[in-house]
Protein backbone atom coordinates (compact mmCIF):
# COMPACT_ATOMS: atom_id res chain seq x y z
CA UNK A 1 44.33 99.47 59.00
CA UNK A 2 41.41 98.96 56.58
CA UNK A 3 40.55 100.50 53.24
CA UNK A 4 36.84 101.32 52.87
CA UNK A 5 34.85 101.72 49.66
CA UNK A 6 31.11 102.20 49.22
CA UNK A 7 28.79 101.20 46.39
CA UNK A 8 25.12 101.71 45.56
CA UNK A 9 23.32 98.49 44.65
CA UNK A 10 20.51 98.18 42.10
CA UNK A 11 19.11 95.00 43.64
CA UNK A 12 20.38 94.21 47.19
CA UNK A 13 18.56 90.85 47.48
CA UNK A 14 20.12 89.53 44.27
CA UNK A 15 23.51 90.88 45.29
CA UNK A 16 23.31 89.01 48.61
CA UNK A 17 22.86 85.73 46.72
CA UNK A 18 25.83 86.50 44.47
CA UNK A 19 27.99 87.51 47.42
CA UNK A 20 27.26 84.36 49.41
CA UNK A 21 28.06 82.11 46.44
CA UNK A 22 31.33 83.94 45.78
CA UNK A 23 32.30 83.60 49.45
CA UNK A 24 32.23 79.78 49.38
CA UNK A 25 35.85 79.62 48.16
CA UNK A 26 37.11 80.73 51.61
CA UNK A 27 37.80 78.50 54.64
CA UNK A 28 36.38 80.99 57.14
CA UNK A 29 32.97 82.55 56.52
CA UNK A 30 30.42 84.28 58.71
CA UNK A 31 27.28 85.58 57.03
CA UNK A 32 24.69 87.39 59.18
CA UNK A 33 21.36 88.32 57.57
CA UNK A 34 18.39 90.17 59.09
CA UNK A 35 16.18 89.24 56.11
CA UNK A 36 15.01 92.88 56.12
CA UNK A 37 13.16 92.26 59.38
CA UNK A 38 12.25 95.64 60.86
CA UNK A 39 13.59 95.94 64.40
CA UNK A 40 14.44 98.77 66.74
CA UNK A 41 18.02 97.72 67.38
CA UNK A 42 20.00 97.05 64.21
CA UNK A 43 23.08 98.37 62.44
CA UNK A 44 23.13 96.50 59.13
CA UNK A 45 20.78 94.43 57.00
CA UNK A 46 23.51 91.86 56.36
CA UNK A 47 27.22 91.33 57.02
CA UNK A 48 29.77 89.04 55.39
CA UNK A 49 33.17 88.41 57.00
CA UNK A 50 35.64 86.10 55.23
CA UNK A 51 39.23 84.87 55.14
CA UNK A 52 40.98 84.89 58.53
CA UNK A 53 44.04 87.11 58.94
CA UNK A 54 44.31 86.11 62.61
CA UNK A 55 42.15 83.80 64.74
CA UNK A 56 41.77 82.13 68.14
CA UNK A 57 40.41 78.67 68.87
CA UNK A 58 40.17 77.33 72.41
CA UNK A 59 38.32 75.08 74.81
CA UNK A 60 36.38 76.55 77.73
CA UNK A 61 39.35 76.85 80.12
CA UNK A 62 40.06 80.58 80.70
CA UNK A 63 38.24 81.21 77.42
CA UNK A 64 36.82 84.62 78.33
CA UNK A 65 40.27 85.87 79.37
CA UNK A 66 41.65 84.60 76.05
CA UNK A 67 38.83 86.33 74.13
CA UNK A 68 39.28 89.57 76.08
CA UNK A 69 42.99 89.67 75.30
CA UNK A 70 42.39 88.90 71.60
CA UNK A 71 39.62 91.48 71.28
CA UNK A 72 41.70 94.21 72.90
CA UNK A 73 44.87 93.38 70.96
CA UNK A 74 43.27 93.29 67.51
CA UNK A 75 41.24 96.49 68.10
CA UNK A 76 39.48 95.52 64.88
CA UNK A 77 36.38 93.70 63.70
CA UNK A 78 36.38 90.12 65.00
CA UNK A 79 33.70 87.53 64.21
CA UNK A 80 33.02 84.18 65.81
CA UNK A 81 31.04 82.11 68.25
CA UNK A 82 30.65 81.20 71.90
CA UNK A 83 29.53 77.62 72.56
CA UNK A 84 27.12 76.77 75.37
CA UNK A 85 29.89 74.90 77.19
CA UNK A 86 31.74 78.11 78.05
CA UNK A 87 29.53 77.89 81.15
CA UNK A 88 32.28 75.65 82.54
CA UNK A 89 34.67 78.62 82.61
CA UNK A 90 32.40 80.89 84.64
CA UNK A 91 30.91 78.27 87.00
CA UNK A 92 31.92 74.94 88.52
CA UNK A 93 30.17 72.93 85.82
CA UNK A 94 31.02 70.15 83.37
CA UNK A 95 29.99 68.91 79.91
CA UNK A 96 30.36 65.14 79.64
CA UNK A 97 27.60 64.22 77.20
CA UNK A 98 28.58 62.74 73.79
CA UNK A 99 29.74 65.20 71.11
CA UNK A 100 29.73 64.08 67.47
CA UNK A 101 30.13 67.56 65.96
CA UNK A 102 33.48 68.40 67.63
CA UNK A 103 33.34 72.16 67.23
CA UNK A 104 35.91 74.06 69.35
CA UNK A 105 34.30 75.66 72.42
CA UNK A 106 35.22 79.17 71.23
CA UNK A 107 36.37 80.49 67.87
CA UNK A 108 36.92 84.05 66.60
CA UNK A 109 38.74 85.45 63.59
CA UNK A 110 39.85 88.81 62.23
CA UNK A 111 38.67 88.83 58.60
CA UNK A 112 40.68 90.20 55.73
CA UNK A 113 37.47 91.17 53.92
CA UNK A 114 34.17 92.54 55.27
CA UNK A 115 30.97 93.48 53.42
CA UNK A 116 28.36 95.59 55.24
CA UNK A 117 24.91 96.05 53.66
CA UNK A 118 22.30 98.64 54.68
CA UNK A 119 19.41 99.32 52.34
CA UNK A 120 20.95 99.62 48.87
CA UNK A 121 24.31 100.82 50.22
CA UNK A 122 27.27 98.43 50.33
CA UNK A 123 30.32 99.25 52.43
CA UNK A 124 33.42 97.15 51.76
CA UNK A 125 36.29 97.05 54.26
CA UNK A 126 39.51 95.22 53.31
CA UNK A 127 42.71 95.00 55.32
CA UNK A 128 45.34 97.06 53.49
CA UNK A 129 47.35 93.95 52.70
CA UNK A 130 44.55 92.86 50.29
CA UNK A 131 42.88 96.18 49.39
CA UNK A 132 44.19 95.97 45.83
CA UNK A 133 41.67 93.12 45.35
CA UNK A 134 38.53 95.19 46.06
CA UNK A 135 37.63 96.13 42.50
CA UNK A 136 38.59 92.73 41.08
CA UNK A 137 36.42 90.99 43.70
CA UNK A 138 33.54 93.36 43.07
CA UNK A 139 33.56 92.50 39.35
CA UNK A 140 33.87 88.77 40.05
CA UNK A 141 30.92 88.78 42.48
CA UNK A 142 28.70 90.18 39.72
CA UNK A 143 29.39 87.13 37.55
CA UNK A 144 27.57 84.78 39.97
CA UNK A 145 23.88 83.78 39.53
CA UNK A 146 21.20 85.99 41.07
CA UNK A 147 19.54 83.02 42.76
CA UNK A 148 20.83 79.99 44.66
CA UNK A 149 19.52 76.76 43.18
CA UNK A 150 18.10 74.19 45.60
CA UNK A 151 17.42 70.73 44.19
CA UNK A 152 17.66 67.02 44.94
CA UNK A 153 20.83 66.86 42.84
CA UNK A 154 22.57 69.14 45.38
CA UNK A 155 22.88 66.30 47.88
CA UNK A 156 25.60 63.80 46.84
CA UNK A 157 24.78 61.33 49.66
CA UNK A 158 21.17 60.61 48.78
CA UNK A 159 18.22 60.70 51.15
CA UNK A 160 18.96 61.74 54.73
CA UNK A 161 17.63 59.52 57.50
CA UNK A 162 16.97 61.51 60.66
CA UNK A 163 17.22 59.68 63.98
CA UNK A 164 16.05 60.72 67.45
CA UNK A 165 18.53 60.83 70.30
CA UNK A 166 15.66 60.02 72.67
CA UNK A 167 12.21 58.55 71.98
CA UNK A 168 8.97 60.28 72.88
CA UNK A 169 8.50 57.95 75.87
CA UNK A 170 11.99 58.69 77.19
CA UNK A 171 11.37 62.41 76.62
CA UNK A 172 8.24 62.21 78.77
CA UNK A 173 10.16 60.39 81.52
CA UNK A 174 12.86 63.06 81.53
CA UNK A 175 10.29 65.86 81.71
CA UNK A 176 8.69 64.09 84.68
CA UNK A 177 12.11 64.01 86.36
CA UNK A 178 12.54 67.71 85.69
CA UNK A 179 9.08 68.39 87.13
CA UNK A 180 10.12 66.54 90.29
CA UNK A 181 13.06 68.95 90.61
CA UNK A 182 10.65 71.86 90.19
CA UNK A 183 8.18 70.54 92.78
CA UNK A 184 11.06 70.03 95.23
CA UNK A 185 12.11 73.65 94.74
CA UNK A 186 15.48 72.89 93.11
CA UNK A 187 14.53 75.07 90.13
CA UNK A 188 11.59 77.13 88.87
CA UNK A 189 12.23 76.58 85.19
CA UNK A 190 14.74 74.84 82.92
CA UNK A 191 15.23 74.55 79.18
CA UNK A 192 15.37 70.88 78.19
CA UNK A 193 16.70 70.02 74.73
CA UNK A 194 16.76 66.95 72.51
CA UNK A 195 18.89 66.21 69.47
CA UNK A 196 17.86 64.90 66.05
CA UNK A 197 20.74 63.64 63.91
CA UNK A 198 21.89 61.82 60.80
CA UNK A 199 25.06 59.74 60.58
CA UNK A 200 27.06 58.88 57.44
CA UNK A 201 25.23 61.67 55.67
CA UNK A 202 26.16 64.80 53.83
CA UNK A 203 24.52 67.98 52.57
CA UNK A 204 25.34 70.88 50.28
CA UNK A 205 25.78 73.51 53.03
CA UNK A 206 25.03 76.69 51.06
CA UNK A 207 21.93 75.28 49.36
CA UNK A 208 20.70 73.83 52.66
CA UNK A 209 21.16 77.19 54.40
CA UNK A 210 19.42 79.02 51.57
CA UNK A 211 16.43 76.64 51.71
CA UNK A 212 16.18 76.98 55.51
CA UNK A 213 16.42 80.75 55.32
CA UNK A 214 13.76 80.98 52.60
CA UNK A 215 11.35 79.00 54.79
CA UNK A 216 12.00 80.91 58.01
CA UNK A 217 13.27 84.41 57.04
CA UNK A 218 14.45 85.14 60.61
CA UNK A 219 16.14 88.36 61.79
CA UNK A 220 19.33 86.60 62.96
CA UNK A 221 20.10 84.12 60.17
CA UNK A 222 23.68 82.81 60.03
CA UNK A 223 25.84 80.88 57.62
CA UNK A 224 29.09 79.91 59.33
CA UNK A 225 31.94 77.88 57.89
CA UNK A 226 35.24 76.94 59.46
CA UNK A 227 37.02 74.45 57.23
CA UNK A 228 34.78 71.33 57.39
CA UNK A 229 32.40 72.57 60.11
CA UNK A 230 29.20 74.46 59.34
CA UNK A 231 26.39 76.23 61.15
CA UNK A 232 23.22 76.92 59.13
CA UNK A 233 20.99 78.96 61.39
CA UNK A 234 17.49 80.43 61.14
CA UNK A 235 17.60 82.04 64.57
CA UNK A 236 14.86 84.51 65.54
CA UNK A 237 16.57 85.49 68.80
CA UNK A 238 19.11 88.09 69.85
CA UNK A 239 21.28 87.18 72.82
CA UNK A 240 23.02 90.47 73.55
CA UNK A 241 23.94 93.72 71.84
CA UNK A 242 26.21 96.56 72.96
CA UNK A 243 25.76 99.96 71.36
CA UNK A 244 27.90 102.58 73.04
CA UNK A 245 27.15 102.20 76.74
CA UNK A 246 23.76 100.58 76.19
CA UNK A 247 23.27 96.81 76.54
CA UNK A 248 20.22 95.13 74.97
CA UNK A 249 18.97 91.59 75.66
CA UNK A 250 15.90 90.15 73.90
CA UNK A 251 15.02 86.72 75.31
CA UNK A 252 12.37 84.57 73.65
CA UNK A 253 10.08 82.42 75.74
CA UNK A 254 6.71 81.39 74.33
CA UNK A 255 5.97 79.79 70.97
CA UNK A 256 2.79 79.25 68.95
CA UNK A 257 2.32 77.72 65.51
CA UNK A 258 1.12 79.66 62.47
CA UNK A 259 -2.00 79.08 60.38
CA UNK A 260 -2.65 79.98 56.75
CA UNK A 261 -6.18 80.95 57.82
CA UNK A 262 -5.95 84.61 58.94
CA UNK A 263 -8.65 84.37 61.58
CA UNK A 264 -7.17 81.22 63.08
CA UNK A 265 -3.70 82.79 62.96
CA UNK A 266 -5.01 85.75 64.98
CA UNK A 267 -6.54 83.30 67.44
CA UNK A 268 -3.15 81.64 67.89
CA UNK A 269 -1.61 85.08 68.62
CA UNK A 270 -4.25 85.84 71.24
CA UNK A 271 -3.90 82.40 72.82
CA UNK A 272 -0.13 82.89 73.11
CA UNK A 273 -0.52 86.44 74.44
CA UNK A 274 -2.93 85.29 77.15
CA UNK A 275 -1.38 81.91 77.99
CA UNK A 276 -0.46 82.05 81.71
CA UNK A 277 2.21 79.34 81.34
CA UNK A 278 3.94 81.07 78.42
CA UNK A 279 3.81 84.46 80.16
CA UNK A 280 5.18 83.05 83.41
CA UNK A 281 8.04 81.40 81.46
CA UNK A 282 8.89 84.71 79.85
CA UNK A 283 8.67 86.74 83.05
CA UNK A 284 10.93 84.28 84.91
CA UNK A 285 13.61 84.63 82.24
CA UNK A 286 13.22 88.42 82.19
CA UNK A 287 13.94 88.42 85.93
CA UNK A 288 17.01 86.27 85.33
CA UNK A 289 18.25 88.59 82.54
CA UNK A 290 17.70 91.64 84.75
CA UNK A 291 19.80 90.00 87.44
CA UNK A 292 22.56 89.09 84.95
CA UNK A 293 22.68 92.59 83.47
CA UNK A 294 22.81 94.18 86.93
CA UNK A 295 26.26 92.63 87.47
CA UNK A 296 27.83 95.15 85.08
CA UNK A 297 25.14 97.86 84.96
CA UNK A 298 25.27 101.39 86.28
CA UNK A 299 23.08 101.34 89.38
CA UNK A 300 19.38 101.77 88.58
CA UNK A 301 19.86 101.49 84.80
CA UNK A 302 18.34 98.01 84.21
CA UNK A 303 14.91 98.42 82.61
CA UNK A 304 12.33 96.26 80.83
CA UNK A 305 11.45 98.07 77.58
CA UNK A 306 9.05 95.38 76.31
CA UNK A 307 7.42 92.59 78.27
CA UNK A 308 5.88 89.56 76.54
CA UNK A 309 5.43 91.22 73.14
CA UNK A 310 4.30 88.92 70.31
CA UNK A 311 6.43 88.88 67.17
CA UNK A 312 5.38 86.95 64.06
CA UNK A 313 7.69 84.92 61.82
CA UNK A 314 6.89 82.71 58.79
CA UNK A 315 6.97 79.49 60.86
CA UNK A 316 5.88 80.55 64.35
CA UNK A 317 4.68 83.34 66.63
CA UNK A 318 7.12 84.18 69.44
CA UNK A 319 6.82 85.99 72.77
CA UNK A 320 9.82 88.32 73.16
CA UNK A 321 10.85 90.73 75.90
CA UNK A 322 13.47 93.48 75.70
CA UNK A 323 15.67 94.23 78.72
CA UNK A 324 18.26 97.03 78.64
CA UNK A 325 20.98 98.46 80.88
CA UNK A 326 23.76 101.05 80.85
CA UNK A 327 27.42 100.34 81.62
CA UNK A 328 30.19 102.80 82.39
CA UNK A 329 33.18 103.47 80.14
CA UNK A 330 35.55 101.30 82.16
CA UNK A 331 33.51 98.08 81.76
CA UNK A 332 34.96 95.57 79.31
CA UNK A 333 32.69 94.41 76.48
CA UNK A 334 33.82 90.80 77.06
CA UNK A 335 32.98 91.08 80.78
CA UNK A 336 29.38 91.96 79.91
CA UNK A 337 29.18 88.69 77.97
CA UNK A 338 31.05 86.73 80.65
CA UNK A 339 28.53 87.76 83.33
CA UNK A 340 25.42 86.95 81.27
CA UNK A 341 26.46 83.78 79.43
CA UNK A 342 24.87 81.34 78.70
CA UNK A 343 21.68 83.26 78.00
CA UNK A 344 18.77 82.79 80.39
CA UNK A 345 16.34 81.70 77.68
CA UNK A 346 18.42 78.55 77.09
CA UNK A 347 19.20 77.70 80.73
CA UNK A 348 16.59 78.38 83.41
CA UNK A 349 16.20 79.71 86.93
CA UNK A 350 18.04 79.59 89.21
CA UNK A 351 20.61 79.47 86.45
CA UNK A 352 23.37 77.28 87.92
CA UNK A 353 20.97 74.68 89.34
CA UNK A 354 19.14 74.55 86.01
CA UNK A 355 22.38 74.00 84.08
CA UNK A 356 23.37 71.11 86.38
CA UNK A 357 20.00 69.41 85.93
CA UNK A 358 20.07 70.01 82.16
CA UNK A 359 23.49 68.32 81.93
CA UNK A 360 22.25 65.30 83.89
CA UNK A 361 19.09 64.79 81.82
CA UNK A 362 20.15 65.66 78.27
CA UNK A 363 21.74 62.96 76.09
CA UNK A 364 24.14 64.99 73.93
CA UNK A 365 26.55 67.87 74.39
CA UNK A 366 24.99 71.13 73.26
CA UNK A 367 28.21 72.63 71.92
CA UNK A 368 27.43 75.49 69.54
CA UNK A 369 23.67 74.89 69.86
CA UNK A 370 22.29 77.42 72.39
CA UNK A 371 25.55 79.31 72.16
CA UNK A 372 25.92 82.56 70.24
CA UNK A 373 27.34 83.84 66.93
CA UNK A 374 28.23 87.45 66.26
CA UNK A 375 30.93 90.09 66.20
CA UNK A 376 32.82 92.85 67.97
CA UNK A 377 33.43 96.16 66.19
CA UNK A 378 36.60 98.30 66.38
CA UNK A 379 34.52 100.70 68.55
CA UNK A 380 34.07 97.99 71.20
CA UNK A 381 30.41 97.33 70.37
CA UNK A 382 29.04 93.85 69.73
CA UNK A 383 25.95 91.95 68.59
CA UNK A 384 25.26 88.22 69.11
CA UNK A 385 22.36 85.94 68.28
CA UNK A 386 21.19 82.78 70.08
CA UNK A 387 21.99 79.61 68.14
CA UNK A 388 18.58 77.95 67.85
CA UNK A 389 16.53 76.67 64.85
CA UNK A 390 19.87 75.59 63.39
CA UNK A 391 21.48 72.76 61.47
CA UNK A 392 25.04 71.87 62.49
CA UNK A 393 27.20 69.85 60.13
CA UNK A 394 30.63 68.24 60.40
CA UNK A 395 31.51 67.41 56.81
CA UNK A 396 34.55 65.34 57.81
CA UNK A 397 32.55 63.16 60.23
CA UNK A 398 29.52 63.11 57.89
CA UNK A 399 27.38 64.03 60.86
CA UNK A 400 24.31 66.31 60.70
CA UNK A 401 22.51 67.55 63.80
CA UNK A 402 19.73 69.83 64.90
CA UNK A 403 18.51 70.30 68.45
CA UNK A 404 15.28 71.76 69.80
CA UNK A 405 14.08 72.46 73.30
CA UNK A 406 11.57 74.21 75.46
CA UNK A 407 11.15 75.72 78.90
CA UNK A 408 9.78 73.35 81.52
CA UNK A 409 7.83 74.90 84.40
CA UNK A 410 5.47 73.57 87.08
CA UNK A 411 2.60 73.97 84.59
CA UNK A 412 4.26 71.97 81.81
CA UNK A 413 2.46 69.06 80.17
CA UNK A 414 5.04 66.58 78.73
CA UNK A 415 2.93 65.83 75.64
CA UNK A 416 2.39 69.52 74.85
CA UNK A 417 6.10 70.23 75.38
CA UNK A 418 6.97 67.47 72.93
CA UNK A 419 4.55 68.90 70.36
CA UNK A 420 6.14 72.35 70.78
CA UNK A 421 9.53 70.80 70.04
CA UNK A 422 8.18 69.34 66.81
CA UNK A 423 6.82 72.77 65.79
CA UNK A 424 10.27 74.29 66.35
CA UNK A 425 11.94 71.43 64.45
CA UNK A 426 9.60 71.63 61.46
CA UNK A 427 11.73 73.88 59.24
CA UNK A 428 14.98 71.95 59.80
CA UNK A 429 13.29 68.59 59.18
CA UNK A 430 11.53 69.89 56.08
CA UNK A 431 14.82 71.17 54.66
CA UNK A 432 16.82 68.00 55.36
CA UNK A 433 14.14 65.53 54.30
CA UNK A 434 13.34 67.57 51.21
CA UNK A 435 16.90 67.41 49.95
């Protein structure tokens, strides 16, 4: 079905820049980049999938059945995304908040051309209908610049004015309402999000992504394009991975800012590690993930490999746990996703109650934000990130959006939660306002 060729690269980082620039001619692009972040569970350093041969696009109704059928029928690589609002397919929930981005709830495509990078080895897989283009494409890619230029001239619409969907005072009121739910026992924890946006604005998507990625260098960076809709993501979080019969979830709960002073930076790490609120947030979500994974797991196979481990990124320190399980050979890959989605780190506990309260208090539809982007392999494995620390852009509507949130627990202080949101939003704001 596919023709495969391999190449040895002299300079993988320069090649990645060339490859991404060359790819911009296509209507469908997914670029996934680990930024050489060393992690236990990884297959490739970067992947590019372009040019849809087949695709599916649907709203949430029966979406997982549609995806399951498509994944089984293609029996090939498929790349795409799951929006947060797929929750309405698995539970009796709704999404009625305003949506100015208008992304489909679910989208996947079977690419004609795939590039897989690991170290200095490049594997190219083309469908046989286009495999005569491999060598020609390879030569053309080498003609592109080794760096991606980021400058003020890249933005044809001028300075971007970022607006807040809710003010700080309204944010505090909504957190107080959420705390009332917690004190009543409706929920233990919920992730509350707020949107920042710009109307009648435009950006140069590739240059904006490149700038964001250079600032953050996360392990789950994504550049996604579908016609006029873009996702530019600096996500540090994995949602779910399937490798053989093993399932891996790595929820993030707990954030601390960085400092250029080494001693102070170490103090921030220790403060995060020992913060009872941050640890309780993380442990609650770990329990939720364990429960979700148990729905498809072989009995007794759900285990916590890491609990509340601190990982450091250029912008922030994060508290991450790793939960794993085993499934049997008869369990569908899509069913593992269906029974764990949306991810616990972006919802709360109990999950359904948290999602209902989130919907009532938030002011905009999440859509692709707090969803997941990734792929299925022909071997029935998959890997998906969590869409956070991301800029979403509808070029046709001239609408730019980024959303940030945080976990609210009984110990939450509204002012501190707001400050944490600003820390998480720093890279996106810096990129957009610097253009």
